[in-house]
Amino acid sequence: MIMKQAANAYFTKDTRMNIRLSGADLEILKRLAAKEGLAYQSFISSVLHKYASGQTRFSP
């Protein structure tokens, strides 16, 4: 039960965010999300989480 509570606390999304993207970037993100079988909002959230937590790095 403690693990379930910890998971819920970790994955709870409690903050809204609005961002502006180019239409071309959004279409690319939607395509990538579809390949992963995710809704594009969930995909973008996952990408941001991985970057923020250090699981992935930006490479220019």
N, C-alpha and C. Protein backbone atom coordinates (compact mmCIF):
# COMPACT_ATOMS: atom_id res chain seq x y z
N MET A 1 0.82 -1.20 0.00
CA MET A 1 0.00 0.00 0.00
C MET A 1 0.87 1.26 0.00
N ILE A 2 1.98 1.24 0.72
CA ILE A 2 2.86 2.41 0.78
C ILE A 2 3.43 2.70 -0.61
N MET A 3 3.78 1.65 -1.36
CA MET A 3 4.32 1.84 -2.71
C MET A 3 3.30 2.51 -3.62
N LYS A 4 2.04 2.11 -3.48
CA LYS A 4 0.98 2.70 -4.30
C LYS A 4 0.80 4.18 -3.97
N GLN A 5 0.86 4.52 -2.70
CA GLN A 5 0.74 5.92 -2.29
C GLN A 5 1.92 6.74 -2.81
N ALA A 6 3.11 6.17 -2.76
CA ALA A 6 4.30 6.86 -3.25
C ALA A 6 4.20 7.07 -4.76
N ALA A 7 3.73 6.05 -5.48
CA ALA A 7 3.57 6.17 -6.93
C ALA A 7 2.54 7.23 -7.27
N ASN A 8 1.43 7.25 -6.55
CA ASN A 8 0.40 8.25 -6.80
C ASN A 8 0.93 9.66 -6.55
N ALA A 9 1.69 9.82 -5.50
CA ALA A 9 2.25 11.14 -5.19
C ALA A 9 3.23 11.57 -6.27
N TYR A 10 4.01 10.62 -6.78
CA TYR A 10 5.03 10.92 -7.79
C TYR A 10 4.39 11.28 -9.13
N PHE A 11 3.34 10.57 -9.49
CA PHE A 11 2.73 10.76 -10.80
C PHE A 11 1.55 11.72 -10.81
N THR A 12 1.18 12.26 -9.65
CA THR A 12 0.08 13.22 -9.61
C THR A 12 0.51 14.50 -10.30
N LYS A 13 -0.32 14.93 -11.23
CA LYS A 13 -0.04 16.17 -11.94
C LYS A 13 -0.94 17.25 -11.35
N ASP A 14 -0.31 18.18 -10.64
CA ASP A 14 -1.10 19.16 -9.91
C ASP A 14 -0.90 20.59 -10.39
N THR A 15 -0.18 20.78 -11.49
CA THR A 15 0.09 22.11 -11.98
C THR A 15 -0.20 22.18 -13.48
N ARG A 16 -0.90 23.23 -13.88
CA ARG A 16 -1.17 23.45 -15.31
C ARG A 16 -0.10 24.34 -15.89
N MET A 17 0.14 24.17 -17.19
CA MET A 17 1.13 24.99 -17.87
C MET A 17 0.63 25.24 -19.28
N ASN A 18 0.75 26.46 -19.74
CA ASN A 18 0.42 26.81 -21.12
C ASN A 18 1.69 27.26 -21.82
N ILE A 19 1.94 26.69 -22.99
CA ILE A 19 3.12 27.10 -23.76
C ILE A 19 2.70 27.32 -25.21
N ARG A 20 3.48 28.11 -25.89
CA ARG A 20 3.26 28.34 -27.32
C ARG A 20 4.34 27.59 -28.09
N LEU A 21 3.90 26.83 -29.09
CA LEU A 21 4.80 26.07 -29.96
C LEU A 21 4.48 26.40 -31.40
N SER A 22 5.45 26.19 -32.26
CA SER A 22 5.13 26.34 -33.68
C SER A 22 4.24 25.17 -34.09
N GLY A 23 3.42 25.40 -35.07
CA GLY A 23 2.55 24.34 -35.57
C GLY A 23 3.35 23.14 -36.07
N ALA A 24 4.49 23.42 -36.69
CA ALA A 24 5.33 22.34 -37.21
C ALA A 24 5.88 21.49 -36.07
N ASP A 25 6.34 22.13 -34.98
CA ASP A 25 6.85 21.37 -33.83
C ASP A 25 5.75 20.53 -33.21
N LEU A 26 4.56 21.08 -33.10
CA LEU A 26 3.45 20.34 -32.50
C LEU A 26 3.11 19.11 -33.35
N GLU A 27 3.12 19.26 -34.66
CA GLU A 27 2.83 18.12 -35.54
C GLU A 27 3.89 17.03 -35.38
N ILE A 28 5.14 17.42 -35.24
CA ILE A 28 6.22 16.45 -35.02
C ILE A 28 5.99 15.72 -33.70
N LEU A 29 5.68 16.47 -32.65
CA LEU A 29 5.43 15.86 -31.34
C LEU A 29 4.24 14.91 -31.39
N LYS A 30 3.20 15.29 -32.11
CA LYS A 30 2.02 14.42 -32.24
C LYS A 30 2.38 13.12 -32.96
N ARG A 31 3.21 13.23 -34.00
CA ARG A 31 3.64 12.03 -34.73
C ARG A 31 4.48 11.12 -33.84
N LEU A 32 5.42 11.71 -33.10
CA LEU A 32 6.26 10.92 -32.20
C LEU A 32 5.42 10.26 -31.11
N ALA A 33 4.45 10.98 -30.59
CA ALA A 33 3.56 10.43 -29.56
C ALA A 33 2.77 9.25 -30.10
N ALA A 34 2.26 9.39 -31.33
CA ALA A 34 1.49 8.30 -31.93
C ALA A 34 2.36 7.05 -32.09
N LYS A 35 3.62 7.23 -32.47
CA LYS A 35 4.53 6.09 -32.60
C LYS A 35 4.73 5.38 -31.27
N GLU A 36 4.69 6.16 -30.17
CA GLU A 36 4.86 5.58 -28.83
C GLU A 36 3.54 5.08 -28.26
N GLY A 37 2.44 5.35 -28.95
CA GLY A 37 1.12 4.92 -28.47
C GLY A 37 0.59 5.78 -27.34
N LEU A 38 1.01 7.05 -27.30
CA LEU A 38 0.59 7.96 -26.23
C LEU A 38 -0.18 9.14 -26.79
N ALA A 39 -1.02 9.73 -25.95
CA ALA A 39 -1.63 11.01 -26.30
C ALA A 39 -0.50 12.04 -26.33
N TYR A 40 -0.60 13.03 -27.20
CA TYR A 40 0.53 13.95 -27.34
C TYR A 40 0.81 14.74 -26.07
N GLN A 41 -0.24 15.06 -25.29
CA GLN A 41 -0.01 15.78 -24.04
C GLN A 41 0.80 14.93 -23.07
N SER A 42 0.47 13.65 -22.99
CA SER A 42 1.20 12.74 -22.11
C SER A 42 2.64 12.58 -22.58
N PHE A 43 2.82 12.51 -23.89
CA PHE A 43 4.16 12.39 -24.46
C PHE A 43 5.01 13.61 -24.11
N ILE A 44 4.45 14.80 -24.30
CA ILE A 44 5.19 16.03 -23.98
C ILE A 44 5.51 16.07 -22.49
N SER A 45 4.57 15.69 -21.65
CA SER A 45 4.81 15.66 -20.21
C SER A 45 5.94 14.68 -19.88
N SER A 46 5.96 13.54 -20.54
CA SER A 46 7.00 12.54 -20.31
C SER A 46 8.37 13.07 -20.72
N VAL A 47 8.43 13.72 -21.88
CA VAL A 47 9.70 14.28 -22.35
C VAL A 47 10.22 15.32 -21.37
N LEU A 48 9.34 16.21 -20.92
CA LEU A 48 9.75 17.24 -19.97
C LEU A 48 10.21 16.63 -18.65
N HIS A 49 9.49 15.61 -18.18
CA HIS A 49 9.87 14.95 -16.93
C HIS A 49 11.25 14.30 -17.05
N LYS A 50 11.49 13.61 -18.16
CA LYS A 50 12.78 12.94 -18.34
C LYS A 50 13.91 13.96 -18.37
N TYR A 51 13.69 15.09 -19.01
CA TYR A 51 14.72 16.12 -19.06
C TYR A 51 14.94 16.74 -17.68
N ALA A 52 13.84 17.08 -17.00
CA ALA A 52 13.94 17.73 -15.69
C ALA A 52 14.57 16.82 -14.64
N SER A 53 14.35 15.52 -14.76
CA SER A 53 14.90 14.58 -13.77
C SER A 53 16.30 14.08 -14.13
N GLY A 54 16.86 14.57 -15.25
CA GLY A 54 18.20 14.17 -15.64
C GLY A 54 18.29 12.85 -16.35
N GLN A 55 17.16 12.26 -16.72
CA GLN A 55 17.18 10.98 -17.42
C GLN A 55 17.56 11.12 -18.88
N THR A 56 17.49 12.34 -19.40
CA THR A 56 17.90 12.61 -20.78
C THR A 56 18.55 13.97 -20.83
N ARG A 57 19.36 14.18 -21.81
CA ARG A 57 20.08 15.45 -21.95
C ARG A 57 19.77 16.07 -23.30
N PHE A 58 19.83 17.38 -23.34
CA PHE A 58 19.67 18.12 -24.59
C PHE A 58 20.99 18.09 -25.33
N SER A 59 20.96 17.72 -26.60
CA SER A 59 22.19 17.74 -27.40
C SER A 59 21.92 18.56 -28.66
N PRO A 60 22.52 19.75 -28.71
CA PRO A 60 22.27 20.63 -29.86
C PRO A 60 22.83 20.10 -31.15
